Amino acid sequence: MSDYRELTNIIHTGVRQTAEQENSEAVFMTSSFAYASAEEAAGKFGGDLDGNVYSRFTNPTVELFEKNWRC
């Protein structure tokens, strides 16, 4: 039988835990995001400001996956 401890540590390396002490990154199950103002929304949708606009375009869950699993 293999020792899975090393693999478990590799999988969990870099996981940023919040005060909830979760074992994995949060999954953002939303299709849209809120903005403080119409100007902020326009800036993000127009590409002048960084941030999420719509889950098919930008999504914190997908961004995290891409960052952690690049070949």
N, C-alpha and C. Protein backbone atom coordinates (compact mmCIF):
# COMPACT_ATOMS: atom_id res chain seq x y z
N MET A 1 0.85 -1.19 0.00
CA MET A 1 0.00 0.00 0.00
C MET A 1 0.89 1.24 0.00
N SER A 2 0.54 2.21 -0.81
CA SER A 2 1.31 3.45 -0.92
C SER A 2 1.07 4.36 0.26
N ASP A 3 2.03 5.22 0.51
CA ASP A 3 1.87 6.23 1.54
C ASP A 3 1.26 7.47 0.88
N TYR A 4 0.01 7.77 1.19
CA TYR A 4 -0.70 8.88 0.56
C TYR A 4 -0.43 10.21 1.23
N ARG A 5 0.30 10.20 2.34
CA ARG A 5 0.54 11.43 3.08
C ARG A 5 1.24 12.49 2.22
N GLU A 6 2.27 12.09 1.48
CA GLU A 6 2.99 13.04 0.63
C GLU A 6 2.07 13.61 -0.45
N LEU A 7 1.26 12.76 -1.07
CA LEU A 7 0.34 13.24 -2.10
C LEU A 7 -0.69 14.20 -1.52
N THR A 8 -1.17 13.90 -0.33
CA THR A 8 -2.14 14.78 0.34
C THR A 8 -1.51 16.14 0.60
N ASN A 9 -0.28 16.15 1.08
CA ASN A 9 0.41 17.42 1.32
C ASN A 9 0.61 18.21 0.04
N ILE A 10 0.92 17.52 -1.04
CA ILE A 10 1.10 18.20 -2.32
C ILE A 10 -0.21 18.83 -2.78
N ILE A 11 -1.30 18.10 -2.66
CA ILE A 11 -2.60 18.60 -3.08
C ILE A 11 -3.00 19.84 -2.29
N HIS A 12 -2.73 19.85 -0.99
CA HIS A 12 -3.18 20.94 -0.13
C HIS A 12 -2.17 22.08 -0.01
N THR A 13 -1.00 21.94 -0.60
CA THR A 13 0.00 23.00 -0.54
C THR A 13 -0.53 24.25 -1.23
N GLY A 14 -0.43 25.38 -0.58
CA GLY A 14 -0.86 26.64 -1.17
C GLY A 14 -2.31 26.97 -0.94
N VAL A 15 -3.07 26.11 -0.30
CA VAL A 15 -4.47 26.40 -0.02
C VAL A 15 -4.53 27.49 1.05
N ARG A 16 -5.21 28.56 0.73
CA ARG A 16 -5.35 29.67 1.67
C ARG A 16 -6.62 29.47 2.48
N GLN A 17 -6.47 29.13 3.73
CA GLN A 17 -7.65 28.91 4.57
C GLN A 17 -8.16 30.24 5.12
N THR A 18 -9.47 30.33 5.20
CA THR A 18 -10.10 31.48 5.84
C THR A 18 -10.33 31.16 7.30
N ALA A 19 -11.05 32.00 7.99
CA ALA A 19 -11.37 31.77 9.40
C ALA A 19 -12.21 30.50 9.58
N GLU A 20 -12.82 30.01 8.49
CA GLU A 20 -13.63 28.78 8.56
C GLU A 20 -12.78 27.53 8.57
N GLN A 21 -11.47 27.64 8.26
CA GLN A 21 -10.52 26.52 8.25
C GLN A 21 -10.93 25.39 7.30
N GLU A 22 -11.38 25.76 6.10
CA GLU A 22 -11.77 24.76 5.11
C GLU A 22 -10.54 24.01 4.59
N ASN A 23 -10.78 22.84 4.02
CA ASN A 23 -9.69 22.01 3.49
C ASN A 23 -9.44 22.22 2.01
N SER A 24 -10.24 23.02 1.36
CA SER A 24 -10.04 23.29 -0.05
C SER A 24 -10.49 24.71 -0.35
N GLU A 25 -10.09 25.18 -1.52
CA GLU A 25 -10.47 26.53 -1.93
C GLU A 25 -11.98 26.63 -2.09
N ALA A 26 -12.49 27.81 -1.89
CA ALA A 26 -13.92 28.05 -2.05
C ALA A 26 -14.31 27.94 -3.52
N VAL A 27 -15.52 27.49 -3.77
CA VAL A 27 -16.08 27.42 -5.11
C VAL A 27 -17.13 28.52 -5.22
N PHE A 28 -16.96 29.40 -6.18
CA PHE A 28 -17.88 30.51 -6.37
C PHE A 28 -18.96 30.08 -7.36
N MET A 29 -20.14 29.77 -6.84
CA MET A 29 -21.25 29.28 -7.66
C MET A 29 -22.18 30.45 -7.99
N THR A 30 -21.70 31.33 -8.84
CA THR A 30 -22.48 32.49 -9.24
C THR A 30 -22.27 32.75 -10.72
N SER A 31 -23.24 33.37 -11.33
CA SER A 31 -23.08 33.72 -12.75
C SER A 31 -22.82 35.20 -12.92
N SER A 32 -23.02 35.98 -11.86
CA SER A 32 -22.82 37.43 -11.96
C SER A 32 -22.22 37.96 -10.66
N PHE A 33 -21.78 39.19 -10.70
CA PHE A 33 -21.11 39.81 -9.57
C PHE A 33 -21.70 41.20 -9.32
N ALA A 34 -21.61 41.67 -8.08
CA ALA A 34 -22.14 42.98 -7.71
C ALA A 34 -21.04 44.04 -7.81
N TYR A 35 -21.45 45.28 -8.04
CA TYR A 35 -20.52 46.40 -8.17
C TYR A 35 -20.99 47.55 -7.30
N ALA A 36 -20.05 48.33 -6.85
CA ALA A 36 -20.36 49.46 -5.97
C ALA A 36 -21.05 50.59 -6.72
N SER A 37 -20.81 50.67 -8.04
CA SER A 37 -21.40 51.75 -8.83
C SER A 37 -21.48 51.34 -10.30
N ALA A 38 -22.25 52.10 -11.05
CA ALA A 38 -22.33 51.87 -12.50
C ALA A 38 -20.98 52.12 -13.16
N GLU A 39 -20.24 53.06 -12.63
CA GLU A 39 -18.91 53.38 -13.18
C GLU A 39 -17.96 52.20 -13.00
N GLU A 40 -18.02 51.56 -11.83
CA GLU A 40 -17.17 50.39 -11.60
C GLU A 40 -17.55 49.27 -12.56
N ALA A 41 -18.83 49.01 -12.70
CA ALA A 41 -19.30 47.96 -13.62
C ALA A 41 -18.84 48.26 -15.04
N ALA A 42 -19.00 49.49 -15.48
CA ALA A 42 -18.58 49.87 -16.83
C ALA A 42 -17.09 49.67 -17.02
N GLY A 43 -16.31 50.03 -16.01
CA GLY A 43 -14.86 49.86 -16.09
C GLY A 43 -14.46 48.40 -16.19
N LYS A 44 -15.12 47.53 -15.43
CA LYS A 44 -14.79 46.11 -15.47
C LYS A 44 -15.27 45.46 -16.76
N PHE A 45 -16.48 45.77 -17.18
CA PHE A 45 -16.98 45.20 -18.43
C PHE A 45 -16.20 45.73 -19.63
N GLY A 46 -15.71 46.95 -19.54
CA GLY A 46 -14.94 47.54 -20.63
C GLY A 46 -13.48 47.15 -20.62
N GLY A 47 -13.03 46.47 -19.57
CA GLY A 47 -11.63 46.04 -19.50
C GLY A 47 -10.69 47.08 -18.94
N ASP A 48 -11.21 48.23 -18.50
CA ASP A 48 -10.36 49.26 -17.93
C ASP A 48 -9.99 48.96 -16.48
N LEU A 49 -10.82 48.17 -15.79
CA LEU A 49 -10.56 47.76 -14.41
C LEU A 49 -10.49 46.24 -14.35
N ASP A 50 -9.58 45.73 -13.53
CA ASP A 50 -9.52 44.29 -13.31
C ASP A 50 -10.67 43.87 -12.43
N GLY A 51 -11.17 42.67 -12.65
CA GLY A 51 -12.22 42.14 -11.81
C GLY A 51 -13.16 41.25 -12.60
N ASN A 52 -14.04 40.62 -11.87
CA ASN A 52 -14.98 39.67 -12.47
C ASN A 52 -16.19 40.38 -13.03
N VAL A 53 -16.65 39.90 -14.20
CA VAL A 53 -17.82 40.50 -14.81
C VAL A 53 -18.94 39.48 -15.00
N TYR A 54 -18.60 38.30 -15.45
CA TYR A 54 -19.58 37.26 -15.71
C TYR A 54 -18.82 35.94 -15.69
N SER A 55 -19.37 34.93 -15.08
CA SER A 55 -18.62 33.69 -14.86
C SER A 55 -18.09 33.02 -16.11
N ARG A 56 -18.72 33.23 -17.24
CA ARG A 56 -18.19 32.63 -18.48
C ARG A 56 -16.94 33.36 -18.96
N PHE A 57 -16.76 34.60 -18.52
CA PHE A 57 -15.58 35.38 -18.91
C PHE A 57 -14.50 35.31 -17.83
N THR A 58 -14.86 35.64 -16.63
CA THR A 58 -13.93 35.62 -15.50
C THR A 58 -14.65 35.05 -14.29
N ASN A 59 -13.92 34.24 -13.52
CA ASN A 59 -14.52 33.58 -12.38
C ASN A 59 -13.39 33.23 -11.41
N PRO A 60 -13.52 33.57 -10.14
CA PRO A 60 -12.45 33.28 -9.18
C PRO A 60 -12.12 31.79 -9.08
N THR A 61 -13.09 30.93 -9.23
CA THR A 61 -12.84 29.49 -9.15
C THR A 61 -12.00 29.03 -10.34
N VAL A 62 -12.35 29.45 -11.54
CA VAL A 62 -11.59 29.08 -12.74
C VAL A 62 -10.20 29.69 -12.70
N GLU A 63 -10.10 30.93 -12.27
CA GLU A 63 -8.80 31.60 -12.17
C GLU A 63 -7.88 30.83 -11.22
N LEU A 64 -8.40 30.39 -10.10
CA LEU A 64 -7.61 29.62 -9.14
C LEU A 64 -7.15 28.30 -9.75
N PHE A 65 -8.06 27.62 -10.45
CA PHE A 65 -7.72 26.37 -11.11
C PHE A 65 -6.59 26.60 -12.13
N GLU A 66 -6.74 27.62 -12.96
CA GLU A 66 -5.72 27.90 -13.97
C GLU A 66 -4.37 28.22 -13.34
N LYS A 67 -4.38 28.96 -12.26
CA LYS A 67 -3.14 29.34 -11.57
C LYS A 67 -2.44 28.14 -10.97
N ASN A 68 -3.20 27.22 -10.39
CA ASN A 68 -2.61 26.10 -9.67
C ASN A 68 -2.30 24.88 -10.54
N TRP A 69 -2.90 24.76 -11.72
CA TRP A 69 -2.76 23.55 -12.50
C TRP A 69 -2.17 23.79 -13.88
N ARG A 70 -1.43 24.84 -14.05
CA ARG A 70 -0.79 25.06 -15.37
C ARG A 70 0.29 24.03 -15.62
N CYS A 71 0.38 23.58 -16.84
CA CYS A 71 1.39 22.59 -17.22
C CYS A 71 2.68 23.28 -17.58
